[in-house]
C-alpha atoms as a PDB file:
ATOM      1  CA  UNK A   1     -37.813 -12.038 -39.136  1.00  0.00           C
ATOM      2  CA  UNK A   2     -35.604  -9.884 -41.075  1.00  0.00           C
ATOM      3  CA  UNK A   3     -36.200  -6.836 -38.568  1.00  0.00           C
ATOM      4  CA  UNK A   4     -35.269  -9.232 -35.627  1.00  0.00           C
ATOM      5  CA  UNK A   5     -32.019 -10.353 -37.489  1.00  0.00           C
ATOM      6  CA  UNK A   6     -31.170  -6.567 -37.893  1.00  0.00           C
ATOM      7  CA  UNK A   7     -31.528  -5.972 -34.329  1.00  0.00           C
ATOM      8  CA  UNK A   8     -29.599  -8.992 -33.184  1.00  0.00           C
ATOM      9  CA  UNK A   9     -26.614  -8.055 -35.528  1.00  0.00           C
ATOM     10  CA  UNK A  10     -26.908  -4.316 -34.232  1.00  0.00           C
ATOM     11  CA  UNK A  11     -26.672  -5.483 -30.549  1.00  0.00           C
ATOM     12  CA  UNK A  12     -23.782  -7.836 -31.303  1.00  0.00           C
ATOM     13  CA  UNK A  13     -21.988  -5.261 -33.453  1.00  0.00           C
ATOM     14  CA  UNK A  14     -22.345  -2.409 -30.911  1.00  0.00           C
ATOM     15  CA  UNK A  15     -19.861  -3.416 -28.395  1.00  0.00           C
ATOM     16  CA  UNK A  16     -17.240  -4.087 -31.061  1.00  0.00           C
ATOM     17  CA  UNK A  17     -17.611  -0.602 -32.302  1.00  0.00           C
ATOM     18  CA  UNK A  18     -16.979   0.772 -28.675  1.00  0.00           C
ATOM     19  CA  UNK A  19     -14.198  -1.664 -28.122  1.00  0.00           C
ATOM     20  CA  UNK A  20     -12.406  -0.257 -31.412  1.00  0.00           C
ATOM     21  CA  UNK A  21     -11.930   3.235 -30.205  1.00  0.00           C
ATOM     22  CA  UNK A  22      -8.695   4.007 -28.244  1.00  0.00           C
ATOM     23  CA  UNK A  23      -9.070   4.717 -24.709  1.00  0.00           C
ATOM     24  CA  UNK A  24      -5.607   5.386 -23.828  1.00  0.00           C
ATOM     25  CA  UNK A  25      -2.636   7.103 -25.549  1.00  0.00           C
ATOM     26  CA  UNK A  26       0.645   5.892 -24.393  1.00  0.00           C
ATOM     27  CA  UNK A  27       2.883   8.762 -23.453  1.00  0.00           C
ATOM     28  CA  UNK A  28       5.919   6.317 -23.044  1.00  0.00           C
ATOM     29  CA  UNK A  29       6.972   4.447 -26.003  1.00  0.00           C
ATOM     30  CA  UNK A  30       5.144   0.917 -26.093  1.00  0.00           C
ATOM     31  CA  UNK A  31       8.593  -0.852 -26.152  1.00  0.00           C
ATOM     32  CA  UNK A  32      11.247  -0.450 -23.598  1.00  0.00           C
ATOM     33  CA  UNK A  33      14.979  -1.486 -24.494  1.00  0.00           C
ATOM     34  CA  UNK A  34      16.843  -1.984 -21.115  1.00  0.00           C
ATOM     35  CA  UNK A  35      20.034  -2.549 -23.067  1.00  0.00           C
ATOM     36  CA  UNK A  36      22.539  -4.892 -21.286  1.00  0.00           C
ATOM     37  CA  UNK A  37      21.638  -6.050 -17.700  1.00  0.00           C
ATOM     38  CA  UNK A  38      22.994  -8.359 -15.268  1.00  0.00           C
ATOM     39  CA  UNK A  39      21.609 -11.776 -14.753  1.00  0.00           C
ATOM     40  CA  UNK A  40      19.509 -12.226 -11.444  1.00  0.00           C
ATOM     41  CA  UNK A  41      19.296  -8.464 -10.682  1.00  0.00           C
ATOM     42  CA  UNK A  42      15.689  -7.307 -11.358  1.00  0.00           C
ATOM     43  CA  UNK A  43      15.227  -3.945 -13.417  1.00  0.00           C
ATOM     44  CA  UNK A  44      11.922  -1.853 -13.899  1.00  0.00           C
ATOM     45  CA  UNK A  45      10.416   0.342 -16.065  1.00  0.00           C
ATOM     46  CA  UNK A  46       7.390   2.772 -15.840  1.00  0.00           C
ATOM     47  CA  UNK A  47       4.960   2.805 -18.688  1.00  0.00           C
ATOM     48  CA  UNK A  48       2.803   6.089 -18.876  1.00  0.00           C
ATOM     49  CA  UNK A  49      -0.592   6.777 -20.501  1.00  0.00           C
ATOM     50  CA  UNK A  50      -3.319   9.297 -20.788  1.00  0.00           C
ATOM     51  CA  UNK A  51      -6.909   8.465 -20.642  1.00  0.00           C
ATOM     52  CA  UNK A  52      -8.376   9.869 -23.655  1.00  0.00           C
ATOM     53  CA  UNK A  53     -11.702   8.414 -23.147  1.00  0.00           C
ATOM     54  CA  UNK A  54     -14.643  10.309 -21.951  1.00  0.00           C
ATOM     55  CA  UNK A  55     -15.012   8.305 -18.519  1.00  0.00           C
ATOM     56  CA  UNK A  56     -12.757   7.174 -15.970  1.00  0.00           C
ATOM     57  CA  UNK A  57     -10.827   4.019 -16.595  1.00  0.00           C
ATOM     58  CA  UNK A  58      -8.905   1.476 -14.473  1.00  0.00           C
ATOM     59  CA  UNK A  59      -6.382  -1.263 -15.319  1.00  0.00           C
ATOM     60  CA  UNK A  60      -8.170  -4.566 -14.669  1.00  0.00           C
ATOM     61  CA  UNK A  61      -5.545  -7.090 -15.552  1.00  0.00           C
ATOM     62  CA  UNK A  62      -1.855  -7.379 -16.704  1.00  0.00           C
ATOM     63  CA  UNK A  63      -0.641 -10.513 -18.368  1.00  0.00           C
ATOM     64  CA  UNK A  64       3.014 -11.171 -18.996  1.00  0.00           C
ATOM     65  CA  UNK A  65       4.530 -13.780 -21.232  1.00  0.00           C
ATOM     66  CA  UNK A  66       6.328 -15.420 -18.595  1.00  0.00           C
ATOM     67  CA  UNK A  67       6.888 -15.699 -14.917  1.00  0.00           C
ATOM     68  CA  UNK A  68      10.126 -13.851 -14.884  1.00  0.00           C
ATOM     69  CA  UNK A  69       8.100 -10.560 -15.796  1.00  0.00           C
ATOM     70  CA  UNK A  70       5.716  -9.041 -13.110  1.00  0.00           C
ATOM     71  CA  UNK A  71       3.601  -5.802 -12.968  1.00  0.00           C
ATOM     72  CA  UNK A  72       2.498  -3.256 -10.495  1.00  0.00           C
ATOM     73  CA  UNK A  73      -0.194  -0.848 -10.998  1.00  0.00           C
ATOM     74  CA  UNK A  74      -2.267   1.304  -8.620  1.00  0.00           C
ATOM     75  CA  UNK A  75      -5.981   0.167  -8.496  1.00  0.00           C
ATOM     76  CA  UNK A  76      -7.361   3.708  -8.678  1.00  0.00           C
ATOM     77  CA  UNK A  77      -9.465   5.243 -11.626  1.00  0.00           C
ATOM     78  CA  UNK A  78      -7.870   7.404 -13.969  1.00  0.00           C
ATOM     79  CA  UNK A  79     -10.071  10.298 -14.784  1.00  0.00           C
ATOM     80  CA  UNK A  80     -10.563  11.484 -18.561  1.00  0.00           C
ATOM     81  CA  UNK A  81      -7.345  13.425 -19.715  1.00  0.00           C
ATOM     82  CA  UNK A  82      -5.283  12.289 -16.899  1.00  0.00           C
ATOM     83  CA  UNK A  83      -2.172  10.288 -16.719  1.00  0.00           C
ATOM     84  CA  UNK A  84      -1.853   6.801 -15.224  1.00  0.00           C
ATOM     85  CA  UNK A  85       0.975   4.387 -15.251  1.00  0.00           C
ATOM     86  CA  UNK A  86       2.177   0.861 -14.561  1.00  0.00           C
ATOM     87  CA  UNK A  87       5.663  -0.542 -13.471  1.00  0.00           C
ATOM     88  CA  UNK A  88       7.025  -3.823 -15.322  1.00  0.00           C
ATOM     89  CA  UNK A  89       9.721  -5.625 -13.421  1.00  0.00           C
ATOM     90  CA  UNK A  90      12.109  -8.275 -15.325  1.00  0.00           C
ATOM     91  CA  UNK A  91      14.230 -10.539 -13.211  1.00  0.00           C
ATOM     92  CA  UNK A  92      16.497 -12.503 -15.827  1.00  0.00           C
ATOM     93  CA  UNK A  93      17.782 -15.866 -15.260  1.00  0.00           C
ATOM     94  CA  UNK A  94      19.001 -16.794 -18.414  1.00  0.00           C
ATOM     95  CA  UNK A  95      21.770 -15.060 -20.322  1.00  0.00           C
ATOM     96  CA  UNK A  96      21.240 -13.615 -23.861  1.00  0.00           C
ATOM     97  CA  UNK A  97      18.551 -11.474 -25.744  1.00  0.00           C
ATOM     98  CA  UNK A  98      15.009 -11.272 -24.575  1.00  0.00           C
ATOM     99  CA  UNK A  99      11.811  -9.841 -25.555  1.00  0.00           C
ATOM    100  CA  UNK A 100       8.885 -10.143 -23.449  1.00  0.00           C
ATOM    101  CA  UNK A 101       5.333  -9.290 -24.027  1.00  0.00           C
ATOM    102  CA  UNK A 102       2.968  -7.403 -21.799  1.00  0.00           C
ATOM    103  CA  UNK A 103      -0.807  -7.345 -22.408  1.00  0.00           C
ATOM    104  CA  UNK A 104      -2.766  -4.488 -20.407  1.00  0.00           C
ATOM    105  CA  UNK A 105      -6.511  -4.943 -20.006  1.00  0.00           C
ATOM    106  CA  UNK A 106      -8.616  -1.723 -19.163  1.00  0.00           C
ATOM    107  CA  UNK A 107     -12.023  -1.681 -17.599  1.00  0.00           C
ATOM    108  CA  UNK A 108     -14.819  -2.502 -20.126  1.00  0.00           C
ATOM    109  CA  UNK A 109     -12.412  -3.761 -22.863  1.00  0.00           C
ATOM    110  CA  UNK A 110     -11.705  -7.132 -24.240  1.00  0.00           C
ATOM    111  CA  UNK A 111      -8.830  -6.026 -26.455  1.00  0.00           C
ATOM    112  CA  UNK A 112      -5.465  -5.843 -24.621  1.00  0.00           C
ATOM    113  CA  UNK A 113      -3.047  -2.816 -25.248  1.00  0.00           C
ATOM    114  CA  UNK A 114       0.400  -4.516 -25.948  1.00  0.00           C
ATOM    115  CA  UNK A 115       3.645  -3.441 -24.335  1.00  0.00           C
ATOM    116  CA  UNK A 116       7.143  -4.770 -25.041  1.00  0.00           C
ATOM    117  CA  UNK A 117      10.321  -4.941 -22.759  1.00  0.00           C
ATOM    118  CA  UNK A 118      13.604  -6.097 -24.380  1.00  0.00           C
ATOM    119  CA  UNK A 119      17.179  -6.322 -23.680  1.00  0.00           C
ATOM    120  CA  UNK A 120      20.318  -8.361 -23.460  1.00  0.00           C
ATOM    121  CA  UNK A 121      21.209 -10.314 -20.406  1.00  0.00           C
ATOM    122  CA  UNK A 122      25.059 -10.688 -19.370  1.00  0.00           C
ATOM    123  CA  UNK A 123      26.661 -12.433 -16.617  1.00  0.00           C
ATOM    124  CA  UNK A 124      28.555 -10.230 -14.125  1.00  0.00           C
END
């Protein structure tokens, strides 16, 4: 009974240990400040990362905190020690300060990598 319990806990915890290790190192800072931008004129920024795992990885999904923020990334595998990137575009409809959250999910990972964009929207 105890052996079965130990095996069950080991099998449950093993993926958590793997998921706890970093598989990417962000080359660019994880926060980008656009500064002052004009309302209704989209702006973009490219975030770059390095694959520090021992195997090829892909971006599975990117979730943004609102519909005014979109993402674009190549659906290609990034080999170990190689660089990859994704582009985030923000289209402001309201004036004032903004801070948006971007969650990037890589293959085989439950935990997202978090990125942020911020700035100040002004009228023309």
